[in-house]
C-alpha cells in the first residue's frame, strides 16, 4: 500500500492603521485552488491603497503559463471580486 501527501501553502499579510477601516496594504502569495476546475495554481496579489495600485498574477505551476495578470491603478479595478454585478435572476 502506498499513500502520498501533498502540502500546499499560502501566506497573507495586512498593514493597518488605527482610524482606517480598510488595510493600507494587503499581500497574498502561495498556492490557490481554482474551484471550477479543481486546479492548483500559484497566486501573487498585492493591494496597495496608499499608492493606488492593484497587482495580481496567477500561474499554472506545471506549465509556467500565466493564467491571469493584472497591474493597474486600484481606482480603475472595478467589476471583479465583491464589485461583480449582482445577478438579476430571482428564484420563483
N, C-alpha and C. Protein backbone atom coordinates (compact mmCIF):
# COMPACT_ATOMS: atom_id res chain seq x y z
N UNK A 1 0.84 -1.18 0.00
CA UNK A 1 0.00 0.00 0.00
C UNK A 1 0.89 1.25 0.00
N UNK A 2 0.56 2.16 -0.88
CA UNK A 2 1.35 3.39 -0.99
C UNK A 2 0.42 4.60 -0.89
N UNK A 3 0.77 5.51 -0.01
CA UNK A 3 -0.02 6.73 0.15
C UNK A 3 0.90 7.93 -0.04
N UNK A 4 0.31 9.03 -0.45
CA UNK A 4 1.11 10.24 -0.60
C UNK A 4 0.36 11.43 -0.02
N UNK A 5 1.13 12.42 0.34
CA UNK A 5 0.58 13.66 0.89
C UNK A 5 1.19 14.81 0.11
N UNK A 6 0.34 15.75 -0.29
CA UNK A 6 0.82 16.94 -0.97
C UNK A 6 0.55 18.14 -0.07
N UNK A 7 1.58 18.89 0.22
CA UNK A 7 1.43 20.07 1.06
C UNK A 7 1.28 21.31 0.19
N UNK A 8 0.39 22.18 0.58
CA UNK A 8 0.18 23.46 -0.10
C UNK A 8 0.36 24.55 0.93
N UNK A 9 0.78 25.73 0.46
CA UNK A 9 0.94 26.84 1.40
C UNK A 9 0.53 28.15 0.76
N UNK A 10 0.00 29.02 1.60
CA UNK A 10 -0.36 30.37 1.17
C UNK A 10 -0.17 31.27 2.38
N UNK A 11 0.40 32.44 2.15
CA UNK A 11 0.63 33.38 3.23
C UNK A 11 0.06 34.73 2.84
N UNK A 12 -0.47 35.42 3.80
CA UNK A 12 -1.03 36.74 3.56
C UNK A 12 -0.66 37.69 4.68
N UNK A 13 -0.67 38.97 4.35
CA UNK A 13 -0.40 39.98 5.38
C UNK A 13 -1.20 41.22 5.08
N UNK A 14 -1.50 41.97 6.15
CA UNK A 14 -2.22 43.23 6.02
C UNK A 14 -1.53 44.28 6.88
N UNK A 15 -1.41 45.48 6.33
CA UNK A 15 -0.85 46.61 7.06
C UNK A 15 -1.99 47.56 7.36
N UNK A 16 -2.33 47.68 8.65
CA UNK A 16 -3.45 48.52 9.05
C UNK A 16 -2.96 49.69 9.90
N UNK A 17 -3.78 50.73 9.90
CA UNK A 17 -3.53 51.88 10.77
C UNK A 17 -4.81 52.19 11.52
N UNK A 18 -4.69 52.61 12.78
CA UNK A 18 -5.90 52.99 13.54
C UNK A 18 -6.65 54.10 12.81
N UNK A 19 -7.97 53.98 12.81
CA UNK A 19 -8.80 55.00 12.17
C UNK A 19 -9.12 54.71 10.72
N UNK A 20 -8.40 53.79 10.09
CA UNK A 20 -8.69 53.40 8.70
C UNK A 20 -9.41 52.06 8.73
N UNK A 21 -10.56 52.00 8.06
CA UNK A 21 -11.33 50.77 8.05
C UNK A 21 -10.63 49.69 7.24
N UNK A 22 -10.19 50.04 6.03
CA UNK A 22 -9.52 49.07 5.17
C UNK A 22 -8.00 49.13 5.37
N UNK A 23 -7.32 47.99 5.21
CA UNK A 23 -5.86 47.99 5.32
C UNK A 23 -5.23 48.88 4.25
N UNK A 24 -4.11 49.50 4.59
CA UNK A 24 -3.38 50.32 3.62
C UNK A 24 -2.71 49.46 2.56
N UNK A 25 -2.32 48.24 2.98
CA UNK A 25 -1.61 47.34 2.07
C UNK A 25 -1.99 45.91 2.42
N UNK A 26 -2.27 45.09 1.40
CA UNK A 26 -2.55 43.67 1.58
C UNK A 26 -1.73 42.88 0.57
N UNK A 27 -1.27 41.71 0.99
CA UNK A 27 -0.49 40.86 0.09
C UNK A 27 -0.84 39.41 0.36
N UNK A 28 -0.95 38.63 -0.72
CA UNK A 28 -1.19 37.19 -0.64
C UNK A 28 -0.24 36.51 -1.63
N UNK A 29 0.38 35.43 -1.21
CA UNK A 29 1.25 34.67 -2.10
C UNK A 29 1.19 33.20 -1.72
N UNK A 30 1.10 32.33 -2.75
CA UNK A 30 1.14 30.91 -2.49
C UNK A 30 0.21 30.12 -3.38
N UNK A 31 -0.13 28.92 -2.92
CA UNK A 31 -0.97 28.01 -3.69
C UNK A 31 -2.43 28.40 -3.55
N UNK A 32 -3.15 28.32 -4.66
CA UNK A 32 -4.55 28.71 -4.66
C UNK A 32 -5.35 27.73 -5.53
N UNK A 33 -6.46 27.23 -5.00
CA UNK A 33 -7.30 26.27 -5.72
C UNK A 33 -8.36 27.01 -6.51
N UNK A 34 -8.41 26.75 -7.82
CA UNK A 34 -9.48 27.29 -8.66
C UNK A 34 -10.61 26.28 -8.62
N UNK A 35 -11.67 26.61 -7.92
CA UNK A 35 -12.72 25.64 -7.61
C UNK A 35 -13.45 25.10 -8.84
N UNK A 36 -13.62 25.93 -9.87
CA UNK A 36 -14.34 25.47 -11.06
C UNK A 36 -13.67 24.28 -11.72
N UNK A 37 -12.33 24.29 -11.78
CA UNK A 37 -11.60 23.22 -12.46
C UNK A 37 -10.92 22.26 -11.49
N UNK A 38 -10.81 22.64 -10.23
CA UNK A 38 -10.09 21.82 -9.25
C UNK A 38 -8.58 21.89 -9.42
N UNK A 39 -8.10 22.88 -10.16
CA UNK A 39 -6.66 23.02 -10.45
C UNK A 39 -5.99 23.93 -9.43
N UNK A 40 -4.81 23.50 -8.98
CA UNK A 40 -3.99 24.31 -8.08
C UNK A 40 -3.08 25.20 -8.90
N UNK A 41 -3.03 26.48 -8.55
CA UNK A 41 -2.19 27.46 -9.23
C UNK A 41 -1.38 28.25 -8.22
N UNK A 42 -0.40 28.99 -8.70
CA UNK A 42 0.39 29.89 -7.86
C UNK A 42 -0.22 31.29 -7.97
N UNK A 43 -0.50 31.90 -6.84
CA UNK A 43 -1.13 33.22 -6.80
C UNK A 43 -0.19 34.22 -6.13
N UNK A 44 -0.09 35.40 -6.72
CA UNK A 44 0.59 36.54 -6.11
C UNK A 44 -0.34 37.73 -6.27
N UNK A 45 -0.71 38.38 -5.17
CA UNK A 45 -1.64 39.50 -5.24
C UNK A 45 -1.22 40.59 -4.25
N UNK A 46 -1.28 41.83 -4.70
CA UNK A 46 -0.99 42.99 -3.86
C UNK A 46 -2.08 44.03 -4.04
N UNK A 47 -2.55 44.58 -2.94
CA UNK A 47 -3.49 45.70 -2.95
C UNK A 47 -2.82 46.81 -2.14
N UNK A 48 -2.42 47.87 -2.82
CA UNK A 48 -1.70 48.99 -2.20
C UNK A 48 -2.59 50.23 -2.29
N UNK A 49 -3.37 50.48 -1.24
CA UNK A 49 -4.30 51.61 -1.26
C UNK A 49 -3.57 52.95 -1.17
N UNK A 50 -2.46 52.98 -0.48
CA UNK A 50 -1.71 54.23 -0.32
C UNK A 50 -1.18 54.73 -1.66
N UNK A 51 -0.74 53.81 -2.52
CA UNK A 51 -0.19 54.17 -3.83
C UNK A 51 -1.14 53.86 -4.98
N UNK A 52 -2.41 53.55 -4.68
CA UNK A 52 -3.45 53.29 -5.68
C UNK A 52 -2.99 52.24 -6.71
N UNK A 53 -2.59 51.06 -6.22
CA UNK A 53 -2.07 50.02 -7.13
C UNK A 53 -2.71 48.67 -6.80
N UNK A 54 -3.04 47.92 -7.85
CA UNK A 54 -3.54 46.56 -7.72
C UNK A 54 -2.73 45.67 -8.66
N UNK A 55 -2.16 44.59 -8.12
CA UNK A 55 -1.40 43.64 -8.93
C UNK A 55 -1.85 42.23 -8.58
N UNK A 56 -2.03 41.42 -9.62
CA UNK A 56 -2.38 40.02 -9.40
C UNK A 56 -1.83 39.18 -10.54
N UNK A 57 -1.24 38.05 -10.18
CA UNK A 57 -0.76 37.11 -11.20
C UNK A 57 -1.10 35.70 -10.73
N UNK A 58 -1.69 34.93 -11.65
CA UNK A 58 -2.00 33.53 -11.40
C UNK A 58 -1.26 32.73 -12.46
N UNK A 59 -0.45 31.75 -12.01
CA UNK A 59 0.40 30.96 -12.90
C UNK A 59 0.14 29.48 -12.68
N UNK A 60 0.05 28.74 -13.78
CA UNK A 60 -0.04 27.28 -13.72
C UNK A 60 1.35 26.76 -13.35
N UNK A 61 1.52 26.13 -12.19
CA UNK A 61 2.86 25.71 -11.76
C UNK A 61 3.46 24.58 -12.60
N UNK A 62 2.62 23.81 -13.28
CA UNK A 62 3.12 22.70 -14.09
C UNK A 62 3.68 23.16 -15.42
N UNK A 63 3.02 24.17 -16.03
CA UNK A 63 3.44 24.61 -17.37
C UNK A 63 4.13 25.97 -17.37
N UNK A 64 3.95 26.74 -16.29
CA UNK A 64 4.50 28.10 -16.24
C UNK A 64 3.63 29.11 -16.98
N UNK A 65 2.50 28.66 -17.52
CA UNK A 65 1.59 29.55 -18.25
C UNK A 65 0.96 30.56 -17.30
N UNK A 66 0.96 31.83 -17.71
CA UNK A 66 0.29 32.88 -16.94
C UNK A 66 -1.19 32.82 -17.28
N UNK A 67 -2.00 32.50 -16.30
CA UNK A 67 -3.45 32.38 -16.48
C UNK A 67 -4.11 33.75 -16.41
N UNK A 68 -3.67 34.57 -15.48
CA UNK A 68 -4.21 35.93 -15.34
C UNK A 68 -3.11 36.83 -14.82
N UNK A 69 -3.01 38.01 -15.42
CA UNK A 69 -2.05 39.01 -14.96
C UNK A 69 -2.72 40.37 -15.02
N UNK A 70 -2.65 41.08 -13.94
CA UNK A 70 -3.29 42.38 -13.85
C UNK A 70 -2.37 43.32 -13.06
N UNK A 71 -2.09 44.48 -13.60
CA UNK A 71 -1.31 45.51 -12.92
C UNK A 71 -1.92 46.84 -13.34
N UNK A 72 -2.71 47.43 -12.43
CA UNK A 72 -3.43 48.65 -12.78
C UNK A 72 -3.66 49.49 -11.54
N UNK A 73 -4.05 50.74 -11.73
CA UNK A 73 -4.43 51.55 -10.57
C UNK A 73 -5.63 50.91 -9.86
N UNK A 74 -5.60 50.88 -8.56
CA UNK A 74 -6.68 50.28 -7.78
C UNK A 74 -8.00 51.00 -8.05
N UNK A 75 -7.95 52.28 -8.30
CA UNK A 75 -9.16 53.05 -8.56
C UNK A 75 -9.83 52.64 -9.87
N UNK A 76 -9.10 51.98 -10.77
CA UNK A 76 -9.66 51.51 -12.04
C UNK A 76 -10.02 50.02 -12.00
N UNK A 77 -9.74 49.36 -10.88
CA UNK A 77 -10.01 47.92 -10.76
C UNK A 77 -11.45 47.73 -10.30
N UNK A 78 -12.37 47.64 -11.26
CA UNK A 78 -13.79 47.52 -10.94
C UNK A 78 -14.38 46.32 -11.67
N UNK A 79 -15.52 45.86 -11.17
CA UNK A 79 -16.23 44.76 -11.81
C UNK A 79 -15.71 43.38 -11.49
N UNK A 80 -14.87 43.24 -10.45
CA UNK A 80 -14.32 41.94 -10.08
C UNK A 80 -14.49 41.75 -8.58
N UNK A 81 -14.38 40.52 -8.13
CA UNK A 81 -14.49 40.24 -6.70
C UNK A 81 -15.83 40.69 -6.14
N UNK A 82 -15.82 41.42 -5.04
CA UNK A 82 -17.06 41.86 -4.41
C UNK A 82 -17.76 42.95 -5.23
N UNK A 83 -17.09 43.49 -6.26
CA UNK A 83 -17.67 44.53 -7.11
C UNK A 83 -18.33 43.94 -8.36
N UNK A 84 -18.41 42.61 -8.44
CA UNK A 84 -19.07 41.98 -9.60
C UNK A 84 -20.53 42.39 -9.63
N UNK A 85 -21.08 42.56 -10.84
CA UNK A 85 -22.52 42.86 -10.92
C UNK A 85 -23.34 41.73 -10.30
N UNK A 86 -24.37 42.08 -9.56
CA UNK A 86 -25.21 41.09 -8.93
C UNK A 86 -26.15 40.48 -9.95
N UNK A 87 -26.47 39.22 -9.77
CA UNK A 87 -27.39 38.52 -10.66
C UNK A 87 -28.79 39.13 -10.52
N UNK A 88 -29.47 39.29 -11.65
CA UNK A 88 -30.82 39.86 -11.63
C UNK A 88 -31.89 38.79 -11.60
N UNK A 89 -31.47 37.51 -11.75
CA UNK A 89 -32.43 36.42 -11.72
C UNK A 89 -32.88 36.18 -10.27
N UNK A 90 -34.16 35.89 -10.12
CA UNK A 90 -34.69 35.61 -8.79
C UNK A 90 -35.39 34.26 -8.79
N UNK A 91 -35.29 33.59 -7.66
CA UNK A 91 -35.98 32.30 -7.53
C UNK A 91 -37.48 32.56 -7.40
N UNK A 92 -38.27 31.80 -8.11
CA UNK A 92 -39.71 32.00 -8.07
C UNK A 92 -40.34 30.95 -7.19
